[in-house]
Protein backbone atom coordinates (compact mmCIF):
# COMPACT_ATOMS: atom_id res chain seq x y z
CA UNK A 1 4.36 -21.55 24.49
CA UNK A 2 1.12 -21.44 26.34
CA UNK A 3 -2.02 -21.63 24.04
CA UNK A 4 -5.29 -19.94 25.01
CA UNK A 5 -8.37 -22.10 24.37
CA UNK A 6 -11.92 -21.51 25.10
CA UNK A 7 -14.17 -20.78 28.22
CA UNK A 8 -17.12 -23.01 27.76
CA UNK A 9 -19.80 -24.50 30.70
CA UNK A 10 -17.76 -22.45 33.66
CA UNK A 11 -14.21 -23.66 32.53
CA UNK A 12 -11.50 -23.32 30.67
CA UNK A 13 -11.36 -25.58 27.94
CA UNK A 14 -8.30 -26.58 25.44
CA UNK A 15 -9.26 -26.53 21.76
CA UNK A 16 -8.77 -29.71 19.54
CA UNK A 17 -8.19 -27.12 16.47
CA UNK A 18 -4.79 -27.09 15.18
CA UNK A 19 -5.14 -23.77 13.68
CA UNK A 20 -3.53 -21.16 15.81
CA UNK A 21 -2.70 -17.23 15.82
CA UNK A 22 -0.15 -15.60 17.33
CA UNK A 23 -0.12 -12.77 19.80
CA UNK A 24 1.94 -10.21 20.40
CA UNK A 25 3.60 -7.11 22.45
CA UNK A 26 3.11 -4.25 19.96
CA UNK A 27 5.65 -2.52 21.99
CA UNK A 28 8.38 -4.86 21.22
CA UNK A 29 6.97 -7.19 18.46
CA UNK A 30 7.50 -10.13 20.18
CA UNK A 31 5.14 -12.85 20.14
CA UNK A 32 3.91 -13.64 24.13
CA UNK A 33 1.39 -16.06 23.46
CA UNK A 34 -0.94 -17.95 20.93
CA UNK A 35 -4.59 -18.38 20.69
CA UNK A 36 -6.41 -22.19 19.29
CA UNK A 37 -8.96 -20.84 16.70
CA UNK A 38 -11.96 -23.05 17.12
CA UNK A 39 -13.65 -25.32 14.64
CA UNK A 40 -17.15 -25.03 13.74
CA UNK A 41 -17.71 -27.99 15.91
CA UNK A 42 -16.35 -26.46 18.80
CA UNK A 43 -18.72 -23.15 18.51
CA UNK A 44 -21.77 -25.67 18.03
CA UNK A 45 -20.78 -27.05 21.21
CA UNK A 46 -20.57 -23.98 22.99
CA UNK A 47 -23.87 -22.73 21.45
CA UNK A 48 -25.35 -26.04 22.84
CA UNK A 49 -24.33 -25.16 25.92
CA UNK A 50 -25.70 -21.60 26.32
CA UNK A 51 -29.23 -22.79 24.95
CA UNK A 52 -29.16 -25.46 27.58
CA UNK A 53 -28.28 -22.94 30.35
CA UNK A 54 -30.78 -20.17 29.25
CA UNK A 55 -34.12 -22.44 29.98
CA UNK A 56 -33.09 -22.07 34.17
CA UNK A 57 -31.17 -19.01 33.65
CA UNK A 58 -34.27 -17.08 31.98
CA UNK A 59 -36.32 -18.06 35.01
CA UNK A 60 -33.91 -16.54 37.34
CA UNK A 61 -35.67 -13.37 38.82
CA UNK A 62 -34.43 -9.83 37.77
CA UNK A 63 -33.38 -9.13 41.32
CA UNK A 64 -31.14 -12.42 41.47
CA UNK A 65 -29.62 -11.28 38.38
CA UNK A 66 -28.66 -8.06 39.20
CA UNK A 67 -27.32 -9.02 42.93
CA UNK A 68 -24.49 -11.11 40.20
CA UNK A 69 -23.69 -8.22 38.26
CA UNK A 70 -23.39 -6.30 41.35
CA UNK A 71 -20.64 -8.67 42.67
CA UNK A 72 -19.31 -8.79 39.26
CA UNK A 73 -18.97 -5.01 39.33
CA UNK A 74 -17.09 -5.22 42.34
CA UNK A 75 -14.80 -7.84 41.32
CA UNK A 76 -13.76 -5.48 38.01
CA UNK A 77 -13.11 -2.79 40.19
CA UNK A 78 -10.64 -4.98 42.32
CA UNK A 79 -9.30 -6.26 39.22
CA UNK A 80 -8.93 -3.21 37.06
CA UNK A 81 -5.18 -2.75 37.04
CA UNK A 82 -4.82 -6.49 36.18
CA UNK A 83 -7.28 -5.93 33.05
CA UNK A 84 -5.52 -2.38 32.43
CA UNK A 85 -2.20 -4.20 32.22
CA UNK A 86 -3.62 -7.04 30.15
CA UNK A 87 -5.00 -4.59 28.02
CA UNK A 88 -1.82 -2.48 27.53
CA UNK A 89 0.39 -5.66 26.86
CA UNK A 90 -1.89 -7.23 24.06
CA UNK A 91 -3.26 -4.08 22.45
CA UNK A 92 -0.19 -1.64 23.00
CA UNK A 93 -2.43 1.16 24.63
CA UNK A 94 -1.11 3.28 27.83
CA UNK A 95 -1.80 2.00 31.07
CA UNK A 96 -4.04 5.11 31.85
CA UNK A 97 -5.84 4.68 28.58
CA UNK A 98 -6.43 1.26 29.26
CA UNK A 99 -7.81 1.69 32.61
CA UNK A 100 -10.20 4.32 31.18
CA UNK A 101 -11.35 1.53 28.95
CA UNK A 102 -12.26 -0.61 31.87
CA UNK A 103 -14.10 2.40 33.51
CA UNK A 104 -16.50 3.23 30.63
CA UNK A 105 -17.23 -0.79 30.48
CA UNK A 106 -18.40 -0.98 34.04
CA UNK A 107 -20.55 2.47 33.53
CA UNK A 108 -22.95 -0.47 31.19
CA UNK A 109 -22.58 -2.97 34.11
CA UNK A 110 -23.85 -0.23 36.68
CA UNK A 111 -26.66 0.25 34.31
CA UNK A 112 -27.25 -3.02 33.78
CA UNK A 113 -27.90 -3.64 37.41
CA UNK A 114 -30.77 -1.47 37.35
CA UNK A 115 -32.58 -4.39 35.37
CA UNK A 116 -35.54 -4.97 37.85
CA UNK A 117 -36.68 -1.35 37.03
CA UNK A 118 -35.40 -1.23 33.27
CA UNK A 119 -37.37 -4.54 32.15
CA UNK A 120 -40.62 -3.30 33.34
CA UNK A 121 -43.51 -3.69 30.99
CA UNK A 122 -46.33 -1.21 30.54
CA UNK A 123 -50.07 -1.50 31.69
CA UNK A 124 -53.48 -0.07 30.59
CA UNK A 125 -56.51 -0.81 32.68
CA UNK A 126 -59.74 -0.56 31.22
CA UNK A 127 -58.77 0.13 27.66
CA UNK A 128 -62.52 -1.40 26.71
CA UNK A 129 -64.74 -2.12 29.22
CA UNK A 130 -63.38 -4.66 31.64
CA UNK A 131 -60.35 -5.35 29.26
CA UNK A 132 -57.04 -4.42 30.40
CA UNK A 133 -53.60 -4.60 28.54
CA UNK A 134 -50.31 -5.31 29.54
CA UNK A 135 -46.67 -6.15 27.91
CA UNK A 136 -43.65 -8.49 29.15
CA UNK A 137 -40.50 -7.67 28.41
CA UNK A 138 -38.70 -11.08 27.82
CA UNK A 139 -35.58 -12.70 27.30
CA UNK A 140 -34.54 -13.74 23.62
CA UNK A 141 -31.91 -16.88 24.17
CA UNK A 142 -28.88 -17.67 23.30
CA UNK A 143 -27.07 -14.12 21.78
CA UNK A 144 -23.73 -13.44 20.37
CA UNK A 145 -20.71 -10.80 20.79
CA UNK A 146 -18.40 -10.40 18.11
CA UNK A 147 -15.86 -7.65 19.56
CA UNK A 148 -13.02 -5.69 18.05
CA UNK A 149 -9.30 -5.74 19.28
CA UNK A 150 -9.29 -1.84 19.80
CA UNK A 151 -11.57 -2.01 23.01
CA UNK A 152 -11.03 -5.49 24.38
CA UNK A 153 -12.65 -4.63 27.45
CA UNK A 154 -15.49 -2.04 27.29
CA UNK A 155 -16.96 -3.34 24.03
CA UNK A 156 -17.59 -6.54 25.74
CA UNK A 157 -19.15 -4.75 28.64
CA UNK A 158 -21.21 -2.81 25.96
CA UNK A 159 -23.12 -6.24 25.14
CA UNK A 160 -22.79 -9.41 27.47
CA UNK A 161 -23.87 -7.16 30.78
CA UNK A 162 -27.26 -6.18 29.63
CA UNK A 163 -28.03 -9.52 27.64
CA UNK A 164 -26.94 -11.19 31.03
CA UNK A 165 -29.21 -8.76 32.69
CA UNK A 166 -32.61 -9.18 30.43
CA UNK A 167 -32.32 -13.23 31.35
CA UNK A 168 -30.29 -14.32 27.80
CA UNK A 169 -27.25 -16.48 27.82
CA UNK A 170 -24.23 -15.32 25.61
CA UNK A 171 -21.04 -16.49 23.69
CA UNK A 172 -18.41 -13.95 23.48
CA UNK A 173 -15.95 -14.30 20.28
CA UNK A 174 -13.33 -11.70 21.06
CA UNK A 175 -10.71 -10.69 18.92
CA UNK A 176 -8.07 -13.04 18.34
CA UNK A 177 -5.23 -10.36 18.59
CA UNK A 178 -6.15 -9.52 22.22
CA UNK A 179 -7.97 -12.25 23.91
CA UNK A 180 -7.14 -12.59 27.25
CA UNK A 181 -9.19 -9.93 28.41
CA UNK A 182 -12.48 -11.76 27.66
CA UNK A 183 -11.15 -14.61 29.11
CA UNK A 184 -10.24 -12.87 32.62
CA UNK A 185 -14.07 -11.37 32.61
CA UNK A 186 -15.13 -14.87 32.45
CA UNK A 187 -13.55 -15.84 35.21
CA UNK A 188 -14.93 -13.39 37.12
CA UNK A 189 -18.32 -13.41 36.20
CA UNK A 190 -18.03 -17.22 37.59
CA UNK A 191 -16.38 -15.90 40.93
CA UNK A 192 -19.58 -13.47 40.89
CA UNK A 193 -22.01 -16.58 40.78
CA UNK A 194 -23.05 -16.88 37.34
CA UNK A 195 -24.15 -20.14 36.43
CA UNK A 196 -21.73 -22.41 34.28
CA UNK A 197 -23.04 -21.98 30.88
CA UNK A 198 -24.39 -18.91 30.84
CA UNK A 199 -21.44 -16.93 29.87
CA UNK A 200 -18.87 -18.39 26.92
CA UNK A 201 -15.74 -17.23 25.38
CA UNK A 202 -14.95 -18.56 21.88
CA UNK A 203 -11.84 -17.77 20.43
CA UNK A 204 -11.61 -17.95 16.73
CA UNK A 205 -12.21 -16.41 13.08
CA UNK A 206 -14.40 -16.74 10.17
CA UNK A 207 -15.18 -20.48 11.12
CA UNK A 208 -16.56 -19.49 14.59
CA UNK A 209 -18.17 -16.54 13.37
CA UNK A 210 -20.36 -18.14 10.64
CA UNK A 211 -21.61 -20.80 12.98
CA UNK A 212 -22.75 -18.06 15.35
CA UNK A 213 -24.44 -16.20 12.40
CA UNK A 214 -26.33 -19.20 10.82
CA UNK A 215 -26.78 -21.63 14.00
CA UNK A 216 -30.35 -21.69 14.84
CA UNK A 217 -30.35 -21.22 18.49
CA UNK A 218 -28.37 -17.89 18.25
CA UNK A 219 -31.45 -15.39 18.44
CA UNK A 220 -29.36 -11.91 18.62
CA UNK A 221 -25.72 -10.59 17.12
CA UNK A 222 -23.97 -7.49 18.35
CA UNK A 223 -20.79 -6.50 16.46
CA UNK A 224 -18.19 -4.10 16.30
CA UNK A 225 -15.92 -3.47 13.62
CA UNK A 226 -15.20 -2.12 10.20
CA UNK A 227 -18.05 -1.48 7.65
CA UNK A 228 -17.15 -4.10 5.15
CA UNK A 229 -17.40 -6.75 8.27
CA UNK A 230 -20.51 -5.39 9.74
CA UNK A 231 -22.60 -5.43 6.06
CA UNK A 232 -21.70 -9.09 5.94
CA UNK A 233 -22.44 -9.39 9.62
CA UNK A 234 -25.92 -8.01 9.18
CA UNK A 235 -26.75 -9.73 5.71
CA UNK A 236 -25.59 -13.27 6.69
CA UNK A 237 -27.30 -13.22 10.34
CA UNK A 238 -30.52 -11.65 9.30
CA UNK A 239 -30.89 -13.89 6.39
CA UNK A 240 -30.91 -16.36 9.03
CA UNK A 241 -33.67 -14.74 11.22
CA UNK A 242 -31.89 -12.91 13.71
CA UNK A 243 -31.75 -9.62 15.14
CA UNK A 244 -28.27 -8.19 14.63
CA UNK A 245 -26.73 -4.70 15.78
CA UNK A 246 -23.41 -4.11 13.97
CA UNK A 247 -21.41 -1.09 14.20
CA UNK A 248 -19.08 -0.37 11.62
CA UNK A 249 -16.37 2.17 10.98
CA UNK A 250 -16.25 5.87 10.76
CA UNK A 251 -14.82 8.96 9.59
CA UNK A 252 -15.40 11.87 12.35
CA UNK A 253 -14.60 15.37 11.77
CA UNK A 254 -14.53 17.92 14.55
CA UNK A 255 -15.54 21.91 13.20
CA UNK A 256 -13.62 24.79 14.44
CA UNK A 257 -15.71 28.02 14.32
CA UNK A 258 -13.65 31.40 14.36
CA UNK A 259 -15.04 32.27 17.54
CA UNK A 260 -13.88 28.87 19.18
CA UNK A 261 -11.63 29.03 22.09
CA UNK A 262 -8.83 27.50 20.08
CA UNK A 263 -6.52 26.27 23.01
CA UNK A 264 -9.41 24.17 24.44
CA UNK A 265 -10.17 23.16 20.65
CA UNK A 266 -6.52 22.04 19.97
CA UNK A 267 -6.10 20.37 23.59
CA UNK A 268 -9.09 18.25 22.49
CA UNK A 269 -8.28 17.59 19.17
CA UNK A 270 -5.16 16.08 20.41
CA UNK A 271 -6.13 13.59 22.42
CA UNK A 272 -9.12 12.90 20.27
CA UNK A 273 -7.14 12.25 17.10
CA UNK A 274 -3.96 10.68 18.56
CA UNK A 275 -5.33 8.80 21.86
CA UNK A 276 -4.97 5.34 21.57
CA UNK A 277 -3.04 5.50 18.66
CA UNK A 278 -6.27 6.93 16.83
CA UNK A 279 -7.57 3.42 17.13
CA UNK A 280 -10.78 4.16 17.97
CA UNK A 281 -14.24 4.73 16.00
CA UNK A 282 -15.08 7.60 18.02
CA UNK A 283 -11.20 9.33 16.86
CA UNK A 284 -11.08 12.47 15.48
CA UNK A 285 -9.27 12.07 12.45
CA UNK A 286 -10.91 15.27 9.90
CA UNK A 287 -10.25 18.61 11.68
CA UNK A 288 -12.63 21.19 9.29
CA UNK A 289 -11.27 25.01 10.58
CA UNK A 290 -13.93 27.57 8.97
CA UNK A 291 -11.85 29.92 7.46
CA UNK A 292 -8.44 30.21 6.36
CA UNK A 293 -6.79 32.81 9.25
CA UNK A 294 -8.87 29.90 11.60
CA UNK A 295 -6.69 27.49 9.83
CA UNK A 296 -3.73 28.50 10.10
CA UNK A 297 -4.17 29.62 13.55
CA UNK A 298 -5.17 25.69 14.08
CA UNK A 299 -2.25 24.51 12.27
CA UNK A 300 0.43 26.66 14.18
CA UNK A 301 -0.72 25.50 17.52
CA UNK A 302 -1.08 21.60 16.36
CA UNK A 303 2.00 21.51 15.29
CA UNK A 304 3.65 22.68 18.65
CA UNK A 305 1.14 19.95 20.28
CA UNK A 306 2.63 17.41 18.45
CA UNK A 307 5.96 18.47 19.20
CA UNK A 308 5.65 17.54 22.50
CA UNK A 309 3.69 14.11 21.75
CA UNK A 310 5.53 11.40 23.78
CA UNK A 311 5.29 8.14 21.94
CA UNK A 312 6.29 4.74 23.34
CA UNK A 313 5.25 1.59 25.20
CA UNK A 314 2.20 1.52 27.28
CA UNK A 315 3.39 -0.12 30.12
CA UNK A 316 6.48 2.06 31.65
CA UNK A 317 7.93 3.09 35.02
CA UNK A 318 6.88 6.70 36.12
CA UNK A 319 4.26 8.74 33.92
CA UNK A 320 2.33 7.27 30.96
CA UNK A 321 3.44 8.06 27.28
CA UNK A 322 0.80 9.82 25.46
CA UNK A 323 0.75 7.19 22.75
CA UNK A 324 1.33 3.57 22.44
CA UNK A 325 1.97 1.47 19.43
CA UNK A 326 -0.43 0.04 16.81
CA UNK A 327 -1.71 -3.54 17.12
CA UNK A 328 -0.03 -5.07 14.19
CA UNK A 329 2.99 -5.30 12.37
CA UNK A 330 0.30 -5.30 9.17
CA UNK A 331 -1.76 -2.96 10.72
CA UNK A 332 1.32 -0.54 11.48
CA UNK A 333 2.11 -1.06 7.37
CA UNK A 334 -1.22 -0.08 6.45
CA UNK A 335 -1.18 3.31 8.22
CA UNK A 336 2.02 3.98 6.79
CA UNK A 337 0.50 3.43 3.14
CA UNK A 338 -2.47 5.75 3.94
CA UNK A 339 0.13 8.44 4.83
CA UNK A 340 2.19 7.98 1.02
CA UNK A 341 -1.57 7.90 -0.74
CA UNK A 342 -2.05 11.14 1.20
CA UNK A 343 0.95 12.93 -0.47
CA UNK A 344 0.25 11.42 -3.72
CA UNK A 345 -3.01 12.53 -3.91
CA UNK A 346 -1.69 16.26 -3.11
CA UNK A 347 -2.27 16.51 0.54
CA UNK A 348 0.43 18.58 2.42
CA UNK A 349 2.16 16.39 4.98
CA UNK A 350 2.98 18.46 7.66
CA UNK A 351 4.05 15.96 10.09
CA UNK A 352 5.37 12.69 9.28
CA UNK A 353 4.87 10.05 11.72
CA UNK A 354 6.84 7.39 9.99
CA UNK A 355 9.82 9.06 11.10
CA UNK A 356 9.65 8.34 14.84
CA UNK A 357 12.04 6.46 16.69
CA UNK A 358 11.17 4.88 20.46
CA UNK A 359 14.21 3.93 21.82
CA UNK A 360 13.82 0.23 23.37
CA UNK A 361 10.97 -0.08 21.12
CA UNK A 362 12.90 -0.92 17.66
CA UNK A 363 10.75 -3.68 17.04
CA UNK A 364 7.71 -2.20 18.02
CA UNK A 365 4.61 -1.29 15.91
CA UNK A 366 5.14 2.77 16.14
CA UNK A 367 4.21 5.74 14.01
CA UNK A 368 3.83 9.12 15.38
CA UNK A 369 1.53 11.49 15.32
CA UNK A 370 0.98 12.18 11.39
CA UNK A 371 -0.53 15.59 10.22
CA UNK A 372 -1.96 16.48 6.95
CA UNK A 373 -3.34 19.88 5.60
CA UNK A 374 -5.19 20.74 2.68
CA UNK A 375 -7.10 17.61 2.63
CA UNK A 376 -10.06 17.82 0.09
CA UNK A 377 -13.36 15.51 -0.08
CA UNK A 378 -12.54 12.76 -2.58
CA UNK A 379 -9.12 12.30 -1.54
CA UNK A 380 -8.67 8.56 0.44
CA UNK A 381 -7.43 9.97 3.51
CA UNK A 382 -10.56 11.62 3.64
CA UNK A 383 -12.94 9.25 2.76
CA UNK A 384 -11.41 6.27 3.81
CA UNK A 385 -11.12 4.73 7.75
CA UNK A 386 -7.36 5.24 8.59
CA UNK A 387 -7.26 4.07 12.06
CA UNK A 388 -4.46 5.39 13.18
CA UNK A 389 -2.71 8.37 14.65
CA UNK A 390 -2.97 10.48 11.38
CA UNK A 391 -5.03 13.53 11.40
CA UNK A 392 -6.13 15.74 8.43
CA UNK A 393 -6.66 19.45 8.20
CA UNK A 394 -9.64 19.68 5.58
CA UNK A 395 -10.35 23.56 5.16
CA UNK A 396 -14.03 25.09 4.55
CA UNK A 397 -14.56 28.70 3.54
CA UNK A 398 -17.97 28.35 5.90
CA UNK A 399 -20.37 26.63 8.27
CA UNK A 400 -22.66 25.28 5.38
CA UNK A 401 -19.94 24.13 3.76
CA UNK A 402 -18.45 22.60 6.77
CA UNK A 403 -21.90 20.96 7.39
CA UNK A 404 -21.92 19.86 3.74
CA UNK A 405 -18.85 18.09 3.96
CA UNK A 406 -19.40 16.13 6.72
CA UNK A 407 -23.53 15.15 5.20
CA UNK A 408 -21.69 13.93 2.26
CA UNK A 409 -19.63 11.68 3.82
CA UNK A 410 -20.71 7.80 3.72
CA UNK A 411 -20.10 7.43 7.66
CA UNK A 412 -22.21 8.90 9.97
CA UNK A 413 -20.91 7.64 13.55
CA UNK A 414 -19.62 10.91 15.58
CA UNK A 415 -18.96 14.54 15.13
CA UNK A 416 -18.31 17.71 17.20
CA UNK A 417 -18.28 21.48 16.61
CA UNK A 418 -16.14 23.76 18.96
CA UNK A 419 -17.82 27.06 18.97
CA UNK A 420 -19.08 30.23 21.67
CA UNK A 421 -22.03 30.65 19.28
CA UNK A 422 -24.99 29.07 20.91
CA UNK A 423 -27.13 29.43 17.72
CA UNK A 424 -24.35 27.99 15.21
CA UNK A 425 -24.20 24.90 17.72
CA UNK A 426 -27.85 24.68 17.77
CA UNK A 427 -28.11 24.79 13.49
CA UNK A 428 -25.36 22.29 13.93
CA UNK A 429 -27.27 19.66 16.10
CA UNK A 430 -30.05 20.01 13.94
CA UNK A 431 -28.51 19.56 10.72
CA UNK A 432 -25.68 17.41 10.82
CA UNK A 433 -26.74 13.93 9.91
CA UNK A 434 -24.29 11.82 12.22
CA UNK A 435 -25.81 9.74 15.17
CA UNK A 436 -23.62 11.11 18.19
CA UNK A 437 -22.88 14.99 18.20
CA UNK A 438 -20.54 16.78 20.56
CA UNK A 439 -20.44 20.69 21.16
CA UNK A 440 -17.26 21.53 22.67
CA UNK A 441 -17.22 17.77 23.42
CA UNK A 442 -14.48 16.29 21.13
CA UNK A 443 -15.80 12.57 21.82
CA UNK A 444 -19.58 12.44 22.17
CA UNK A 445 -19.65 9.15 23.39
CA UNK A 446 -22.84 8.68 25.13
CA UNK A 447 -23.18 7.61 28.83
CA UNK A 448 -24.25 3.92 29.55
CA UNK A 449 -27.98 5.12 30.14
CA UNK A 450 -28.10 6.68 26.92
CA UNK A 451 -27.52 4.76 23.50
CA UNK A 452 -24.21 4.33 21.18
CA UNK A 453 -24.64 4.14 17.52
CA UNK A 454 -24.04 5.86 14.42
CA UNK A 455 -26.14 6.73 10.85
CA UNK A 456 -25.68 5.55 7.40
CA UNK A 457 -22.77 3.02 6.91
CA UNK A 458 -21.75 3.47 10.56
CA UNK A 459 -24.50 0.95 11.74
CA UNK A 460 -26.73 -1.68 10.03
CA UNK A 461 -29.44 -2.37 12.06
CA UNK A 462 -32.08 -0.20 14.08
CA UNK A 463 -31.06 -0.45 17.63
CA UNK A 464 -27.99 1.27 19.02
CA UNK A 465 -25.95 0.00 21.78
CA UNK A 466 -26.75 0.07 25.59
CA UNK A 467 -29.03 2.36 27.67
CA UNK A 468 -32.45 1.83 26.36
CA UNK A 469 -31.88 0.59 23.11
CA UNK A 470 -29.72 -2.37 24.25
CA UNK A 471 -32.71 -2.99 26.63
CA UNK A 472 -35.18 -3.33 23.64
CA UNK A 473 -32.36 -5.54 21.60
CA UNK A 474 -31.82 -8.30 24.42
CA UNK A 475 -35.65 -8.90 24.94
CA UNK A 476 -39.01 -9.60 22.70
CA UNK A 477 -42.21 -7.67 23.84
CA UNK A 478 -45.32 -9.37 24.34
CA UNK A 479 -48.70 -8.01 24.58
CA UNK A 480 -51.79 -9.44 26.49
CA UNK A 481 -54.97 -8.29 26.60
CA UNK A 482 -57.09 -9.93 28.91
CA UNK A 483 -60.74 -9.75 29.97
CA UNK A 484 -62.26 -11.75 33.11
CA UNK A 485 -66.05 -12.13 33.27
CA UNK A 486 -68.19 -10.46 35.52
CA UNK A 487 -71.65 -11.78 36.85
CA UNK A 488 -73.73 -13.89 34.75
CA UNK A 489 -71.73 -15.22 32.22
CA UNK A 490 -73.71 -15.90 28.80
CA UNK A 491 -73.06 -18.53 26.58
CA UNK A 492 -72.80 -16.86 23.50
CA UNK A 493 -70.43 -17.86 20.38
CA UNK A 494 -68.67 -14.78 19.11
CA UNK A 495 -67.95 -15.12 15.00
CA UNK A 496 -67.34 -11.60 14.51
CA UNK A 497 -63.95 -9.64 14.71
CA UNK A 498 -63.67 -8.59 18.16
CA UNK A 499 -63.92 -4.92 18.93
CA UNK A 500 -63.10 -3.02 21.79
């Protein structure tokens, strides 16, 4: 069976590690590849390579760095279908969704291509008599990215394009469940003209991660994953003097007001809850209808749409399915456990996705779209991130109760409100304690020139991903205050604190 290794110093490198992990096709349950899990020594070697490459790469002009990224963008566009097939075969999401992931990642590449403008500092003349002050945004050094299984193309492209554009070198540690996409991106970067050693891929588990979190040459760490791991990443890397952006879990609510266009809301909710089998940190997993009449109408329309939901492999001949399988058998069993827990807690299981049968996918990791009603705060299916195709209806008697339900939750990643009332929408945007808010938009993921990140236990670290925060994260600012003498120089010693 073919074994994937690492990509270090511009070439694929077989790992000397004797530890491997299987890579499976989630639609069939069959193992297709295996990946070596890098040792601490191999990871340290990758860091040394990236550190050596930094000295030359950081001196390359921003314009030349941008030109390489322009070539990389063109190559990714040329290979979009190939990348989407890799994603669909290893993650399981449907082909059209996988292509959409690549496109959203490319938007950050496009943003990073503007680095000659984005990395400009500030300048003030005559801040004091004959004194000028200006700032420089300089690269950090070696940066590391640790990405999750659910977006093997998009999340890495939230990280490394901006880091490279700012003059840093980078080590990518993708999920061992679907690592092929990161290796393909590394090949395209090399083809675009990126010097060897500037971008490296290390496949591994906690042994490799801990090196990246503690190695003295690594200056910054970006992470996306679950909250417990995000907290560990943040605490460990910060304790070793690194800057960290660690994005964690979510429990995203959509408020449906009585005046909302219910057909529009239900259509949006179906995609937001069940797209990518719910394996999205921005998935809507809780619908909050305001008033019982709204709730009954919402439930009726959701049942009609769930009856039409097509579930099957991500790669098919003909039209795509709406939803593919989950990533692994273990994750499928975890989601099934949550459905059982919801029943035991007293929630009404309206649609049970465990009963689904997929022709030709008997060994695959399929769960159909599932729906709970009468879910209450405090139930585990409301408080915990399920990360699967399970939607809960949590009824609220009023707008204020809906807002309180969201604000009382430990997560604050994304939320949405569907309404025709501008006053309600404005109050919602002002009062809600969540980092990303949609108004009649179900998944409010910002465009690349804005920044992505949640609040509360959905984000550890002060800076969000991409946009202006991304540039700030991957640079450090240096401020210079200068005076050039004019006229006759005075040979005077100054022993007092200088003032301007």
